[in-house]
Protein backbone atom coordinates (compact mmCIF):
# COMPACT_ATOMS: atom_id res chain seq x y z
CA UNK A 1 -16.05 12.50 2.27
CA UNK A 2 -13.02 10.26 1.77
CA UNK A 3 -12.86 6.91 3.53
CA UNK A 4 -9.44 5.25 3.72
CA UNK A 5 -8.70 1.82 5.15
CA UNK A 6 -5.23 0.35 5.55
CA UNK A 7 -3.48 -2.75 6.84
CA UNK A 8 0.25 -2.90 7.56
CA UNK A 9 2.46 -5.94 8.18
CA UNK A 10 6.20 -6.47 8.25
CA UNK A 11 6.44 -7.01 4.49
CA UNK A 12 3.23 -5.55 3.03
CA UNK A 13 0.97 -2.54 3.09
CA UNK A 14 -2.61 -2.66 1.81
CA UNK A 15 -4.96 0.26 1.57
CA UNK A 16 -8.24 1.13 -0.05
CA UNK A 17 -10.21 4.29 -0.70
CA UNK A 18 -13.95 4.55 -1.24
CA UNK A 19 -14.87 6.29 -4.50
CA UNK A 20 -17.97 8.20 -5.49
CA UNK A 21 -19.71 7.36 -8.77
CA UNK A 22 -18.05 10.32 -10.52
CA UNK A 23 -14.59 9.42 -9.21
CA UNK A 24 -15.01 5.78 -10.24
CA UNK A 25 -16.03 6.72 -13.78
CA UNK A 26 -13.25 9.29 -14.18
CA UNK A 27 -10.45 6.97 -12.91
CA UNK A 28 -11.38 3.85 -14.92
CA UNK A 29 -11.61 2.99 -18.61
CA UNK A 30 -15.02 2.89 -20.20
CA UNK A 31 -16.05 -0.66 -21.13
CA UNK A 32 -18.91 -0.95 -23.62
CA UNK A 33 -20.03 -4.23 -22.00
CA UNK A 34 -20.62 -2.36 -18.75
CA UNK A 35 -22.43 0.62 -20.28
CA UNK A 36 -25.75 -0.85 -19.09
CA UNK A 37 -24.81 -0.53 -15.42
CA UNK A 38 -26.08 2.29 -13.22
CA UNK A 39 -22.97 2.79 -11.08
CA UNK A 40 -23.38 3.93 -7.48
CA UNK A 41 -19.74 4.01 -6.37
CA UNK A 42 -16.71 1.84 -5.83
CA UNK A 43 -13.31 1.44 -4.23
CA UNK A 44 -9.66 1.65 -5.27
CA UNK A 45 -7.54 -1.15 -3.77
CA UNK A 46 -3.71 -1.07 -3.57
CA UNK A 47 -1.29 -3.65 -2.16
CA UNK A 48 2.44 -2.99 -1.81
CA UNK A 49 4.65 -5.90 -0.75
CA UNK A 50 8.34 -6.73 -0.63
CA UNK A 51 9.85 -10.07 -1.58
CA UNK A 52 13.44 -11.04 -0.72
CA UNK A 53 15.70 -11.39 -3.77
CA UNK A 54 19.28 -12.56 -4.29
CA UNK A 55 22.33 -10.87 -2.74
CA UNK A 56 20.42 -8.95 -0.07
CA UNK A 57 18.13 -7.10 -2.43
CA UNK A 58 14.36 -6.95 -2.19
CA UNK A 59 11.74 -6.77 -4.90
CA UNK A 60 8.77 -4.46 -4.46
CA UNK A 61 5.45 -5.61 -5.96
CA UNK A 62 2.59 -3.14 -6.37
CA UNK A 63 -0.91 -4.30 -7.28
CA UNK A 64 -3.81 -1.94 -7.86
CA UNK A 65 -7.42 -2.54 -8.84
CA UNK A 66 -10.82 -0.90 -8.88
CA UNK A 67 -14.08 -2.38 -7.65
CA UNK A 68 -17.36 -0.89 -8.79
CA UNK A 69 -20.85 -1.16 -7.32
CA UNK A 70 -24.10 -0.67 -9.17
CA UNK A 71 -27.29 -2.11 -10.59
CA UNK A 72 -27.87 -3.57 -14.04
CA UNK A 73 -29.95 -1.12 -16.09
CA UNK A 74 -31.53 -4.04 -17.99
CA UNK A 75 -34.73 -4.81 -16.08
CA UNK A 76 -34.83 -8.36 -17.51
CA UNK A 77 -31.26 -9.29 -16.49
CA UNK A 78 -30.72 -11.88 -13.77
CA UNK A 79 -29.48 -10.32 -10.52
CA UNK A 80 -26.01 -11.39 -9.39
């Protein structure tokens, strides 16, 4: 089940999509520091915005990030 959320203004468009654990792990790079996390899922976040530039042109800025959710597999680690 895909869950999309979006927000639109005159000069920007933001949207996010919920990701399953498998999708999160397949779309992101493996980080050895995070190997001790039992991932449960996450979200992909994208923001597209326009910024006025010289001579009537506009610049488009696209930002994308992933957010992951999970529990530390180390039972002695401090919870965040």
